[in-house]
Amino acid sequence: MTVGQNNTLNYKEQGGERTVIGGSIDIISGGDLDVKSGAAIKIAGTAITSSAAELNTLASSGISQADLIKLAAVTAAAAELNILDGVTATAAEINQLDRSAKAVLFDDFLGDTLNSFLWTAAVGSDGQAVAAAIPATPLQSGAITMTAADAGSSDAADLASLCGALNFMPNQGGMVLEVKLHVDDITNVSFFVGFTDIVANSAPSPSVGIEMPFSLSGTTLTSNATNAIGFLFDTAATSDKIWLCSVADNADGTEVDSDIAPVNGIYITLRVEIDAAGLATYYINGVSKGTQAAPASKIDVALCPYVGVVSRTTAVRVLTVDYVHAEQSR
């Protein structure tokens, strides 16, 4: 028998072990409902297990119902999500991985033949110059070598270079070139890594790309390219360090000393990033080394990725490239 069940909405069952609320309970100002430890609040028979502190955090988080619905659609396991713990990339950086938004050239030089559809391997007229190529015995993980000749006279005689196509333009935004390389002997040598408007031809001729985009003698920078951005190492300079160089429409930028020198036979990674305004930011082995003010190169002129080496003495110099990575926004 239940006492008062037919006459009231709120009632206590016989024995007093259960109170039924058919109407409502109003807790007036200053009162509270305190659920003691070991007790539970249930909704449709299911106990709420979150603590008050956890619920309060959720209330102040700004998370909407729509956000929770999106979260419910996530199918990744906790272990998969935990892999992301420690990732420092921003959303914008992660979005760059979307290849539909980027034009990307990456060559690890695997296989046994240089891809002639992507690259022109140009050399000077001296017989000791050896064009960029995958060695007869391919190197571990892929690489190419090129040999600057030993005439010690001019780019036209001694230069060896690797040149891509004019597929890159700064005003597209997101322009990047990264090259990992080393030189067997860093004395009496010059090399350049960057973007340039000098397009090489495979036949020796100073008029079609058999020249370095830049040279540095003492403290005097000379640009042979009309537009170019990149890293120059030249032992003819007063300081045998890697320099950050640029030229825009025949106007040279102020070269910046990176204070980094290459080491014989030790790989170094050179990376330049150019935004849509032409601001160039340079990195060596992942560390920022300086910028060239916009426009470092004329932003509406097509450029090609370029690697070149020339000997400054009567001995050959061998430059090895592990990989080339170039990209820009579409």
C-alpha atoms as a PDB file:
ATOM      1  CA  MET A   1       0.000   0.000   0.000  1.00  0.00           C
ATOM      2  CA  THR A   2       1.337   3.470  -0.918  1.00  0.00           C
ATOM      3  CA  VAL A   3       0.289   6.327   1.325  1.00  0.00           C
ATOM      4  CA  GLY A   4      -1.135   9.399  -0.390  1.00  0.00           C
ATOM      5  CA  GLN A   5      -0.324   8.245  -3.898  1.00  0.00           C
ATOM      6  CA  ASN A   6      -3.773   9.142  -5.244  1.00  0.00           C
ATOM      7  CA  ASN A   7      -3.924  12.606  -3.711  1.00  0.00           C
ATOM      8  CA  THR A   8      -0.468  14.187  -4.113  1.00  0.00           C
ATOM      9  CA  LEU A   9       2.198  14.487  -6.817  1.00  0.00           C
ATOM     10  CA  ASN A  10       5.089  14.448  -4.388  1.00  0.00           C
ATOM     11  CA  TYR A  11       4.933  11.639  -1.834  1.00  0.00           C
ATOM     12  CA  LYS A  12       6.975   9.264   0.265  1.00  0.00           C
ATOM     13  CA  GLU A  13       6.466   5.554  -0.252  1.00  0.00           C
ATOM     14  CA  GLN A  14       5.522   3.343   2.671  1.00  0.00           C
ATOM     15  CA  GLY A  15       8.517   2.762   4.889  1.00  0.00           C
ATOM     16  CA  GLY A  16      10.053   6.077   3.836  1.00  0.00           C
ATOM     17  CA  GLU A  17      12.821   4.557   1.733  1.00  0.00           C
ATOM     18  CA  ARG A  18      11.813   6.321  -1.481  1.00  0.00           C
ATOM     19  CA  THR A  19      10.345   9.733  -2.199  1.00  0.00           C
ATOM     20  CA  VAL A  20       8.560  10.218  -5.531  1.00  0.00           C
ATOM     21  CA  ILE A  21       8.561  13.657  -7.146  1.00  0.00           C
ATOM     22  CA  GLY A  22       5.660  14.046  -9.542  1.00  0.00           C
ATOM     23  CA  GLY A  23       5.693  17.797  -9.349  1.00  0.00           C
ATOM     24  CA  SER A  24       8.791  19.848  -8.649  1.00  0.00           C
ATOM     25  CA  ILE A  25      11.246  20.783  -5.936  1.00  0.00           C
ATOM     26  CA  ASP A  26      12.282  24.411  -5.616  1.00  0.00           C
ATOM     27  CA  ILE A  27      15.517  25.111  -3.782  1.00  0.00           C
ATOM     28  CA  ILE A  28      15.285  28.708  -2.714  1.00  0.00           C
ATOM     29  CA  SER A  29      18.138  31.197  -2.661  1.00  0.00           C
ATOM     30  CA  GLY A  30      20.720  30.265  -0.088  1.00  0.00           C
ATOM     31  CA  GLY A  31      19.806  26.582  -0.108  1.00  0.00           C
ATOM     32  CA  ASP A  32      21.602  23.719  -1.800  1.00  0.00           C
ATOM     33  CA  LEU A  33      21.248  20.094  -2.822  1.00  0.00           C
ATOM     34  CA  ASP A  34      24.215  18.201  -1.409  1.00  0.00           C
ATOM     35  CA  VAL A  35      24.781  14.693  -2.753  1.00  0.00           C
ATOM     36  CA  LYS A  36      27.046  12.971  -0.261  1.00  0.00           C
ATOM     37  CA  SER A  37      29.972  10.732  -1.146  1.00  0.00           C
ATOM     38  CA  GLY A  38      28.743   7.299  -2.173  1.00  0.00           C
ATOM     39  CA  ALA A  39      25.410   8.655  -3.378  1.00  0.00           C
ATOM     40  CA  ALA A  40      24.560   9.317  -7.027  1.00  0.00           C
ATOM     41  CA  ILE A  41      22.498  11.504  -9.300  1.00  0.00           C
ATOM     42  CA  LYS A  42      20.903   9.465 -12.105  1.00  0.00           C
ATOM     43  CA  ILE A  43      19.372  10.450 -15.424  1.00  0.00           C
ATOM     44  CA  ALA A  44      17.072   7.792 -16.926  1.00  0.00           C
ATOM     45  CA  GLY A  45      18.608   5.315 -14.493  1.00  0.00           C
ATOM     46  CA  THR A  46      22.224   6.099 -15.432  1.00  0.00           C
ATOM     47  CA  ALA A  47      24.449   7.580 -12.747  1.00  0.00           C
ATOM     48  CA  ILE A  48      26.410  10.759 -13.500  1.00  0.00           C
ATOM     49  CA  THR A  49      30.021   9.878 -12.729  1.00  0.00           C
ATOM     50  CA  SER A  50      31.686  13.222 -13.496  1.00  0.00           C
ATOM     51  CA  SER A  51      32.723  15.189 -10.433  1.00  0.00           C
ATOM     52  CA  ALA A  52      31.373  18.663  -9.736  1.00  0.00           C
ATOM     53  CA  ALA A  53      34.807  20.107 -10.616  1.00  0.00           C
ATOM     54  CA  GLU A  54      34.775  18.341 -13.974  1.00  0.00           C
ATOM     55  CA  LEU A  55      31.267  19.561 -14.757  1.00  0.00           C
ATOM     56  CA  ASN A  56      32.205  23.113 -13.777  1.00  0.00           C
ATOM     57  CA  THR A  57      35.210  22.979 -16.123  1.00  0.00           C
ATOM     58  CA  LEU A  58      32.964  21.865 -18.970  1.00  0.00           C
ATOM     59  CA  ALA A  59      30.514  24.686 -18.255  1.00  0.00           C
ATOM     60  CA  SER A  60      33.256  27.306 -18.592  1.00  0.00           C
ATOM     61  CA  SER A  61      35.066  25.725 -21.548  1.00  0.00           C
ATOM     62  CA  GLY A  62      33.012  27.351 -24.283  1.00  0.00           C
ATOM     63  CA  ILE A  63      32.418  23.951 -25.912  1.00  0.00           C
ATOM     64  CA  SER A  64      29.090  23.924 -27.765  1.00  0.00           C
ATOM     65  CA  GLN A  65      26.730  21.062 -28.486  1.00  0.00           C
ATOM     66  CA  ALA A  66      27.922  21.177 -32.106  1.00  0.00           C
ATOM     67  CA  ASP A  67      31.513  20.724 -30.890  1.00  0.00           C
ATOM     68  CA  LEU A  68      30.526  17.672 -28.884  1.00  0.00           C
ATOM     69  CA  ILE A  69      28.750  16.187 -31.890  1.00  0.00           C
ATOM     70  CA  LYS A  70      31.953  16.590 -33.935  1.00  0.00           C
ATOM     71  CA  LEU A  71      33.929  14.934 -31.158  1.00  0.00           C
ATOM     72  CA  ALA A  72      31.505  12.022 -31.108  1.00  0.00           C
ATOM     73  CA  ALA A  73      32.290  11.442 -34.792  1.00  0.00           C
ATOM     74  CA  VAL A  74      36.030  10.943 -34.080  1.00  0.00           C
ATOM     75  CA  THR A  75      36.969   7.309 -34.678  1.00  0.00           C
ATOM     76  CA  ALA A  76      40.650   7.462 -33.685  1.00  0.00           C
ATOM     77  CA  ALA A  77      41.617   5.336 -30.694  1.00  0.00           C
ATOM     78  CA  ALA A  78      43.106   6.910 -27.591  1.00  0.00           C
ATOM     79  CA  ALA A  79      46.498   5.426 -28.524  1.00  0.00           C
ATOM     80  CA  GLU A  80      46.282   7.078 -31.956  1.00  0.00           C
ATOM     81  CA  LEU A  81      45.390  10.439 -30.434  1.00  0.00           C
ATOM     82  CA  ASN A  82      48.215  10.106 -27.911  1.00  0.00           C
ATOM     83  CA  ILE A  83      50.688   9.981 -30.812  1.00  0.00           C
ATOM     84  CA  LEU A  84      49.864  13.663 -31.370  1.00  0.00           C
ATOM     85  CA  ASP A  85      50.941  14.529 -27.841  1.00  0.00           C
ATOM     86  CA  GLY A  86      53.945  16.806 -28.120  1.00  0.00           C
ATOM     87  CA  VAL A  87      53.256  17.916 -31.707  1.00  0.00           C
ATOM     88  CA  THR A  88      54.041  21.642 -31.935  1.00  0.00           C
ATOM     89  CA  ALA A  89      52.803  22.311 -35.481  1.00  0.00           C
ATOM     90  CA  THR A  90      50.038  24.878 -35.855  1.00  0.00           C
ATOM     91  CA  ALA A  91      46.802  24.154 -37.695  1.00  0.00           C
ATOM     92  CA  ALA A  92      48.094  26.240 -40.619  1.00  0.00           C
ATOM     93  CA  GLU A  93      51.290  24.167 -40.759  1.00  0.00           C
ATOM     94  CA  ILE A  94      49.351  20.901 -40.646  1.00  0.00           C
ATOM     95  CA  ASN A  95      47.064  22.182 -43.422  1.00  0.00           C
ATOM     96  CA  GLN A  96      50.165  22.616 -45.587  1.00  0.00           C
ATOM     97  CA  LEU A  97      50.318  18.828 -45.786  1.00  0.00           C
ATOM     98  CA  ASP A  98      47.269  18.987 -48.055  1.00  0.00           C
ATOM     99  CA  ARG A  99      48.944  18.346 -51.406  1.00  0.00           C
ATOM    100  CA  SER A 100      45.907  19.637 -53.297  1.00  0.00           C
ATOM    101  CA  ALA A 101      46.941  23.091 -52.061  1.00  0.00           C
ATOM    102  CA  LYS A 102      50.660  22.726 -52.862  1.00  0.00           C
ATOM    103  CA  ALA A 103      52.779  22.109 -55.935  1.00  0.00           C
ATOM    104  CA  VAL A 104      55.621  19.938 -54.652  1.00  0.00           C
ATOM    105  CA  LEU A 105      58.888  18.710 -56.116  1.00  0.00           C
ATOM    106  CA  PHE A 106      60.803  16.230 -53.980  1.00  0.00           C
ATOM    107  CA  ASP A 107      63.655  14.219 -55.423  1.00  0.00           C
ATOM    108  CA  ASP A 108      65.603  11.745 -53.284  1.00  0.00           C
ATOM    109  CA  PHE A 109      67.596  10.665 -56.367  1.00  0.00           C
ATOM    110  CA  LEU A 110      66.695   7.013 -56.006  1.00  0.00           C
ATOM    111  CA  GLY A 111      67.259   4.608 -58.871  1.00  0.00           C
ATOM    112  CA  ASP A 112      70.221   4.644 -61.232  1.00  0.00           C
ATOM    113  CA  THR A 113      69.506   7.591 -63.581  1.00  0.00           C
ATOM    114  CA  LEU A 114      68.870  11.286 -62.939  1.00  0.00           C
ATOM    115  CA  ASN A 115      65.362  12.293 -64.010  1.00  0.00           C
ATOM    116  CA  SER A 116      65.988  14.423 -67.101  1.00  0.00           C
ATOM    117  CA  PHE A 117      62.334  15.492 -67.215  1.00  0.00           C
ATOM    118  CA  LEU A 118      62.859  17.373 -63.933  1.00  0.00           C
ATOM    119  CA  TRP A 119      66.508  18.411 -64.108  1.00  0.00           C
ATOM    120  CA  THR A 120      69.153  19.832 -66.415  1.00  0.00           C
ATOM    121  CA  ALA A 121      72.699  18.860 -65.424  1.00  0.00           C
ATOM    122  CA  ALA A 122      74.978  21.521 -66.915  1.00  0.00           C
ATOM    123  CA  VAL A 123      78.786  21.626 -66.892  1.00  0.00           C
ATOM    124  CA  GLY A 124      81.524  23.962 -68.067  1.00  0.00           C
ATOM    125  CA  SER A 125      83.824  23.388 -71.010  1.00  0.00           C
ATOM    126  CA  ASP A 126      86.771  21.887 -69.084  1.00  0.00           C
ATOM    127  CA  GLY A 127      87.056  18.136 -69.541  1.00  0.00           C
ATOM    128  CA  GLN A 128      87.339  17.492 -65.803  1.00  0.00           C
ATOM    129  CA  ALA A 129      83.838  18.842 -65.145  1.00  0.00           C
ATOM    130  CA  VAL A 130      81.356  16.017 -64.486  1.00  0.00           C
ATOM    131  CA  ALA A 131      77.634  16.632 -64.807  1.00  0.00           C
ATOM    132  CA  ALA A 132      75.283  15.876 -61.917  1.00  0.00           C
ATOM    133  CA  ALA A 133      74.357  12.203 -61.966  1.00  0.00           C
ATOM    134  CA  ILE A 134      73.516   9.228 -59.801  1.00  0.00           C
ATOM    135  CA  PRO A 135      76.821   7.357 -59.273  1.00  0.00           C
ATOM    136  CA  ALA A 136      77.395   4.041 -61.007  1.00  0.00           C
ATOM    137  CA  THR A 137      77.123   2.462 -57.565  1.00  0.00           C
ATOM    138  CA  PRO A 138      74.075   4.291 -56.179  1.00  0.00           C
ATOM    139  CA  LEU A 139      74.544   5.825 -52.739  1.00  0.00           C
ATOM    140  CA  GLN A 140      72.561   4.662 -49.724  1.00  0.00           C
ATOM    141  CA  SER A 141      69.128   6.393 -49.563  1.00  0.00           C
ATOM    142  CA  GLY A 142      69.814   8.056 -52.918  1.00  0.00           C
ATOM    143  CA  ALA A 143      72.065  10.982 -53.889  1.00  0.00           C
ATOM    144  CA  ILE A 144      73.744  12.623 -56.858  1.00  0.00           C
ATOM    145  CA  THR A 145      77.253  13.943 -57.314  1.00  0.00           C
ATOM    146  CA  MET A 146      78.611  16.691 -59.561  1.00  0.00           C
ATOM    147  CA  THR A 147      82.247  17.668 -60.103  1.00  0.00           C
ATOM    148  CA  ALA A 148      83.588  21.173 -60.664  1.00  0.00           C
ATOM    149  CA  ALA A 149      86.566  21.138 -63.038  1.00  0.00           C
ATOM    150  CA  ASP A 150      90.157  22.054 -62.199  1.00  0.00           C
ATOM    151  CA  ALA A 151      90.909  24.810 -64.723  1.00  0.00           C
ATOM    152  CA  GLY A 152      90.508  27.346 -61.919  1.00  0.00           C
ATOM    153  CA  SER A 153      89.699  30.016 -64.491  1.00  0.00           C
ATOM    154  CA  SER A 154      85.966  30.726 -64.843  1.00  0.00           C
ATOM    155  CA  ASP A 155      82.421  29.484 -64.339  1.00  0.00           C
ATOM    156  CA  ALA A 156      82.231  28.776 -68.062  1.00  0.00           C
ATOM    157  CA  ALA A 157      85.089  26.272 -67.717  1.00  0.00           C
ATOM    158  CA  ASP A 158      84.706  24.838 -64.224  1.00  0.00           C
ATOM    159  CA  LEU A 159      81.044  24.980 -63.144  1.00  0.00           C
ATOM    160  CA  ALA A 160      78.826  21.966 -62.529  1.00  0.00           C
ATOM    161  CA  SER A 161      75.165  22.655 -61.796  1.00  0.00           C
ATOM    162  CA  LEU A 162      71.736  21.131 -61.331  1.00  0.00           C
ATOM    163  CA  CYS A 163      68.820  23.233 -62.534  1.00  0.00           C
ATOM    164  CA  GLY A 164      65.063  22.638 -62.465  1.00  0.00           C
ATOM    165  CA  ALA A 165      62.359  24.310 -64.527  1.00  0.00           C
ATOM    166  CA  LEU A 166      60.895  27.801 -64.113  1.00  0.00           C
ATOM    167  CA  ASN A 167      57.885  26.500 -62.191  1.00  0.00           C
ATOM    168  CA  PHE A 168      58.136  28.692 -59.097  1.00  0.00           C
ATOM    169  CA  MET A 169      57.015  32.292 -58.523  1.00  0.00           C
ATOM    170  CA  PRO A 170      57.140  34.101 -55.160  1.00  0.00           C
ATOM    171  CA  ASN A 171      53.718  35.750 -55.445  1.00  0.00           C
ATOM    172  CA  GLN A 172      52.114  32.304 -55.295  1.00  0.00           C
ATOM    173  CA  GLY A 173      53.069  32.187 -51.616  1.00  0.00           C
ATOM    174  CA  GLY A 174      54.423  29.294 -49.572  1.00  0.00           C
ATOM    175  CA  MET A 175      57.580  28.991 -51.690  1.00  0.00           C
ATOM    176  CA  VAL A 176      60.245  26.708 -50.198  1.00  0.00           C
ATOM    177  CA  LEU A 177      63.538  25.198 -51.259  1.00  0.00           C
ATOM    178  CA  GLU A 178      65.400  22.750 -49.045  1.00  0.00           C
ATOM    179  CA  VAL A 179      68.588  20.973 -50.100  1.00  0.00           C
ATOM    180  CA  LYS A 180      70.848  18.618 -48.150  1.00  0.00           C
ATOM    181  CA  LEU A 181      74.408  18.500 -49.494  1.00  0.00           C
ATOM    182  CA  HIS A 182      78.101  18.351 -48.764  1.00  0.00           C
ATOM    183  CA  VAL A 183      81.360  19.213 -50.560  1.00  0.00           C
ATOM    184  CA  ASP A 184      84.393  16.939 -50.362  1.00  0.00           C
ATOM    185  CA  ASP A 185      86.801  19.866 -49.828  1.00  0.00           C
ATOM    186  CA  ILE A 186      85.581  23.299 -48.727  1.00  0.00           C
ATOM    187  CA  THR A 187      88.842  25.101 -49.548  1.00  0.00           C
ATOM    188  CA  ASN A 188      89.075  27.111 -52.795  1.00  0.00           C
ATOM    189  CA  VAL A 189      85.489  26.464 -53.808  1.00  0.00           C
ATOM    190  CA  SER A 190      82.177  28.226 -54.285  1.00  0.00           C
ATOM    191  CA  PHE A 191      78.667  26.785 -54.269  1.00  0.00           C
ATOM    192  CA  PHE A 192      75.163  28.238 -54.478  1.00  0.00           C
ATOM    193  CA  VAL A 193      71.804  26.757 -53.450  1.00  0.00           C
ATOM    194  CA  GLY A 194      68.579  28.626 -54.114  1.00  0.00           C
ATOM    195  CA  PHE A 195      66.098  29.882 -56.674  1.00  0.00           C
ATOM    196  CA  THR A 196      67.294  31.739 -59.768  1.00  0.00           C
ATOM    197  CA  ASP A 197      66.088  32.935 -63.155  1.00  0.00           C
ATOM    198  CA  ILE A 198      69.196  31.490 -64.832  1.00  0.00           C
ATOM    199  CA  VAL A 199      68.048  28.466 -66.818  1.00  0.00           C
ATOM    200  CA  ALA A 200      70.872  26.052 -67.615  1.00  0.00           C
ATOM    201  CA  ASN A 201      71.354  24.269 -70.890  1.00  0.00           C
ATOM    202  CA  SER A 202      73.064  20.884 -71.009  1.00  0.00           C
ATOM    203  CA  ALA A 203      75.520  22.097 -73.668  1.00  0.00           C
ATOM    204  CA  PRO A 204      78.485  24.165 -72.412  1.00  0.00           C
ATOM    205  CA  SER A 205      77.872  27.842 -73.086  1.00  0.00           C
ATOM    206  CA  PRO A 206      78.204  30.824 -70.748  1.00  0.00           C
ATOM    207  CA  SER A 207      75.118  32.379 -72.318  1.00  0.00           C
ATOM    208  CA  VAL A 208      72.748  29.600 -71.253  1.00  0.00           C
ATOM    209  CA  GLY A 209      73.284  29.044 -67.574  1.00  0.00           C
ATOM    210  CA  ILE A 210      76.937  28.093 -67.171  1.00  0.00           C
ATOM    211  CA  GLU A 211      77.452  30.696 -64.485  1.00  0.00           C
ATOM    212  CA  MET A 212      76.852  31.012 -60.773  1.00  0.00           C
ATOM    213  CA  PRO A 213      73.935  33.283 -59.827  1.00  0.00           C
ATOM    214  CA  PHE A 214      76.286  35.041 -57.347  1.00  0.00           C
ATOM    215  CA  SER A 215      79.951  35.356 -56.473  1.00  0.00           C
ATOM    216  CA  LEU A 216      81.579  37.077 -53.499  1.00  0.00           C
ATOM    217  CA  SER A 217      85.105  38.442 -53.727  1.00  0.00           C
ATOM    218  CA  GLY A 218      86.388  40.071 -50.571  1.00  0.00           C
ATOM    219  CA  THR A 219      83.297  41.938 -49.451  1.00  0.00           C
ATOM    220  CA  THR A 220      81.961  42.616 -52.954  1.00  0.00           C
ATOM    221  CA  LEU A 221      78.874  40.673 -54.003  1.00  0.00           C
ATOM    222  CA  THR A 222      78.337  40.206 -57.737  1.00  0.00           C
ATOM    223  CA  SER A 223      74.994  38.946 -59.041  1.00  0.00           C
ATOM    224  CA  ASN A 224      74.928  37.292 -62.439  1.00  0.00           C
ATOM    225  CA  ALA A 225      71.224  36.533 -62.189  1.00  0.00           C
ATOM    226  CA  THR A 226      68.571  39.230 -62.542  1.00  0.00           C
ATOM    227  CA  ASN A 227      66.412  37.612 -59.864  1.00  0.00           C
ATOM    228  CA  ALA A 228      67.663  35.036 -57.374  1.00  0.00           C
ATOM    229  CA  ILE A 229      67.466  34.077 -53.698  1.00  0.00           C
ATOM    230  CA  GLY A 230      69.651  31.629 -51.823  1.00  0.00           C
ATOM    231  CA  PHE A 231      72.793  30.525 -50.006  1.00  0.00           C
ATOM    232  CA  LEU A 232      76.281  31.341 -51.274  1.00  0.00           C
ATOM    233  CA  PHE A 233      79.556  29.920 -50.016  1.00  0.00           C
ATOM    234  CA  ASP A 234      82.627  31.415 -51.697  1.00  0.00           C
ATOM    235  CA  THR A 235      86.163  31.128 -50.354  1.00  0.00           C
ATOM    236  CA  ALA A 236      87.085  34.208 -52.400  1.00  0.00           C
ATOM    237  CA  ALA A 237      85.144  36.189 -49.775  1.00  0.00           C
ATOM    238  CA  THR A 238      86.822  37.788 -46.778  1.00  0.00           C
ATOM    239  CA  SER A 239      84.767  35.520 -44.490  1.00  0.00           C
ATOM    240  CA  ASP A 240      84.575  31.839 -45.434  1.00  0.00           C
ATOM    241  CA  LYS A 241      80.997  31.462 -44.188  1.00  0.00           C
ATOM    242  CA  ILE A 242      77.694  30.756 -45.885  1.00  0.00           C
ATOM    243  CA  TRP A 243      76.069  34.012 -47.006  1.00  0.00           C
ATOM    244  CA  LEU A 244      72.384  34.762 -47.544  1.00  0.00           C
ATOM    245  CA  CYS A 245      72.012  36.544 -50.876  1.00  0.00           C
ATOM    246  CA  SER A 246      69.279  38.026 -53.033  1.00  0.00           C
ATOM    247  CA  VAL A 247      68.783  40.104 -56.140  1.00  0.00           C
ATOM    248  CA  ALA A 248      65.484  41.589 -57.349  1.00  0.00           C
ATOM    249  CA  ASP A 249      65.260  43.005 -60.848  1.00  0.00           C
ATOM    250  CA  ASN A 250      69.064  43.543 -60.907  1.00  0.00           C
ATOM    251  CA  ALA A 251      69.047  45.287 -57.506  1.00  0.00           C
ATOM    252  CA  ASP A 252      71.200  43.363 -55.032  1.00  0.00           C
ATOM    253  CA  GLY A 253      69.920  42.876 -51.501  1.00  0.00           C
ATOM    254  CA  THR A 254      72.284  43.283 -48.560  1.00  0.00           C
ATOM    255  CA  GLU A 255      74.039  39.965 -48.044  1.00  0.00           C
ATOM    256  CA  VAL A 256      73.793  38.448 -44.562  1.00  0.00           C
ATOM    257  CA  ASP A 257      76.568  36.433 -42.911  1.00  0.00           C
ATOM    258  CA  SER A 258      75.069  33.234 -41.462  1.00  0.00           C
ATOM    259  CA  ASP A 259      78.220  32.688 -39.374  1.00  0.00           C
ATOM    260  CA  ILE A 260      78.084  29.030 -40.433  1.00  0.00           C
ATOM    261  CA  ALA A 261      80.846  27.353 -42.424  1.00  0.00           C
ATOM    262  CA  PRO A 262      80.481  23.970 -44.153  1.00  0.00           C
ATOM    263  CA  VAL A 263      82.740  21.087 -43.167  1.00  0.00           C
ATOM    264  CA  ASN A 264      84.511  18.691 -45.536  1.00  0.00           C
ATOM    265  CA  GLY A 265      82.235  15.765 -46.369  1.00  0.00           C
ATOM    266  CA  ILE A 266      79.619  16.592 -43.695  1.00  0.00           C
ATOM    267  CA  TYR A 267      76.023  17.044 -44.824  1.00  0.00           C
ATOM    268  CA  ILE A 268      74.390  20.420 -44.224  1.00  0.00           C
ATOM    269  CA  THR A 269      70.705  21.234 -44.797  1.00  0.00           C
ATOM    270  CA  LEU A 270      69.894  24.604 -46.367  1.00  0.00           C
ATOM    271  CA  ARG A 271      66.303  25.859 -46.492  1.00  0.00           C
ATOM    272  CA  VAL A 272      64.819  29.150 -47.699  1.00  0.00           C
ATOM    273  CA  GLU A 273      61.142  30.109 -47.346  1.00  0.00           C
ATOM    274  CA  ILE A 274      59.660  32.972 -49.404  1.00  0.00           C
ATOM    275  CA  ASP A 275      56.242  34.475 -48.753  1.00  0.00           C
ATOM    276  CA  ALA A 276      53.917  36.074 -51.301  1.00  0.00           C
ATOM    277  CA  ALA A 277      55.404  39.531 -50.643  1.00  0.00           C
ATOM    278  CA  GLY A 278      58.923  38.246 -51.366  1.00  0.00           C
ATOM    279  CA  LEU A 279      60.244  38.121 -47.792  1.00  0.00           C
ATOM    280  CA  ALA A 280      62.898  35.391 -47.599  1.00  0.00           C
ATOM    281  CA  THR A 281      63.702  33.534 -44.379  1.00  0.00           C
ATOM    282  CA  TYR A 282      66.774  31.300 -44.263  1.00  0.00           C
ATOM    283  CA  TYR A 283      67.465  28.178 -42.178  1.00  0.00           C
ATOM    284  CA  ILE A 284      70.627  26.097 -41.787  1.00  0.00           C
ATOM    285  CA  ASN A 285      70.194  22.686 -40.187  1.00  0.00           C
ATOM    286  CA  GLY A 286      66.757  23.770 -39.003  1.00  0.00           C
ATOM    287  CA  VAL A 287      67.929  26.971 -37.285  1.00  0.00           C
ATOM    288  CA  SER A 288      66.815  30.382 -38.559  1.00  0.00           C
ATOM    289  CA  LYS A 289      69.816  32.414 -39.760  1.00  0.00           C
ATOM    290  CA  GLY A 290      68.253  35.602 -41.044  1.00  0.00           C
ATOM    291  CA  THR A 291      65.936  37.226 -43.550  1.00  0.00           C
ATOM    292  CA  GLN A 292      66.076  39.239 -46.756  1.00  0.00           C
ATOM    293  CA  ALA A 293      63.563  42.085 -46.843  1.00  0.00           C
ATOM    294  CA  ALA A 294      60.682  41.885 -49.311  1.00  0.00           C
ATOM    295  CA  PRO A 295      60.899  41.722 -52.194  1.00  0.00           C
ATOM    296  CA  ALA A 296      64.082  39.662 -52.046  1.00  0.00           C
ATOM    297  CA  SER A 297      63.301  38.677 -55.631  1.00  0.00           C
ATOM    298  CA  LYS A 298      60.797  40.159 -58.063  1.00  0.00           C
ATOM    299  CA  ILE A 299      57.622  38.414 -56.975  1.00  0.00           C
ATOM    300  CA  ASP A 300      56.072  37.976 -60.440  1.00  0.00           C
ATOM    301  CA  VAL A 301      59.140  36.450 -62.125  1.00  0.00           C
ATOM    302  CA  ALA A 302      59.388  32.673 -62.556  1.00  0.00           C
ATOM    303  CA  LEU A 303      62.353  31.003 -60.842  1.00  0.00           C
ATOM    304  CA  CYS A 304      63.893  27.546 -60.869  1.00  0.00           C
ATOM    305  CA  PRO A 305      65.568  25.506 -58.083  1.00  0.00           C
ATOM    306  CA  TYR A 306      69.332  25.511 -58.547  1.00  0.00           C
ATOM    307  CA  VAL A 307      72.468  23.941 -57.083  1.00  0.00           C
ATOM    308  CA  GLY A 308      75.881  24.831 -58.493  1.00  0.00           C
ATOM    309  CA  VAL A 309      79.558  24.403 -57.597  1.00  0.00           C
ATOM    310  CA  VAL A 310      82.758  25.880 -59.045  1.00  0.00           C
ATOM    311  CA  SER A 311      86.390  25.308 -58.128  1.00  0.00           C
ATOM    312  CA  ARG A 312      88.565  28.295 -57.260  1.00  0.00           C
ATOM    313  CA  THR A 313      91.812  26.350 -57.813  1.00  0.00           C
ATOM    314  CA  THR A 314      93.452  23.813 -60.124  1.00  0.00           C
ATOM    315  CA  ALA A 315      91.815  20.870 -58.377  1.00  0.00           C
ATOM    316  CA  VAL A 316      88.366  19.370 -58.790  1.00  0.00           C
ATOM    317  CA  ARG A 317      85.648  19.706 -56.139  1.00  0.00           C
ATOM    318  CA  VAL A 318      82.862  17.160 -55.731  1.00  0.00           C
ATOM    319  CA  LEU A 319      79.460  18.251 -54.432  1.00  0.00           C
ATOM    320  CA  THR A 320      76.992  15.585 -53.276  1.00  0.00           C
ATOM    321  CA  VAL A 321      73.241  16.273 -53.007  1.00  0.00           C
ATOM    322  CA  ASP A 322      71.148  13.957 -50.834  1.00  0.00           C
ATOM    323  CA  TYR A 323      67.765  15.450 -51.762  1.00  0.00           C
ATOM    324  CA  VAL A 324      66.012  18.514 -53.156  1.00  0.00           C
ATOM    325  CA  HIS A 325      62.606  19.645 -51.902  1.00  0.00           C
ATOM    326  CA  ALA A 326      60.832  22.594 -53.578  1.00  0.00           C
ATOM    327  CA  GLU A 327      57.221  23.691 -53.209  1.00  0.00           C
ATOM    328  CA  GLN A 328      54.783  26.579 -53.468  1.00  0.00           C
ATOM    329  CA  SER A 329      51.080  27.232 -53.049  1.00  0.00           C
ATOM    330  CA  ARG A 330      48.956  26.544 -56.092  1.00  0.00           C
END
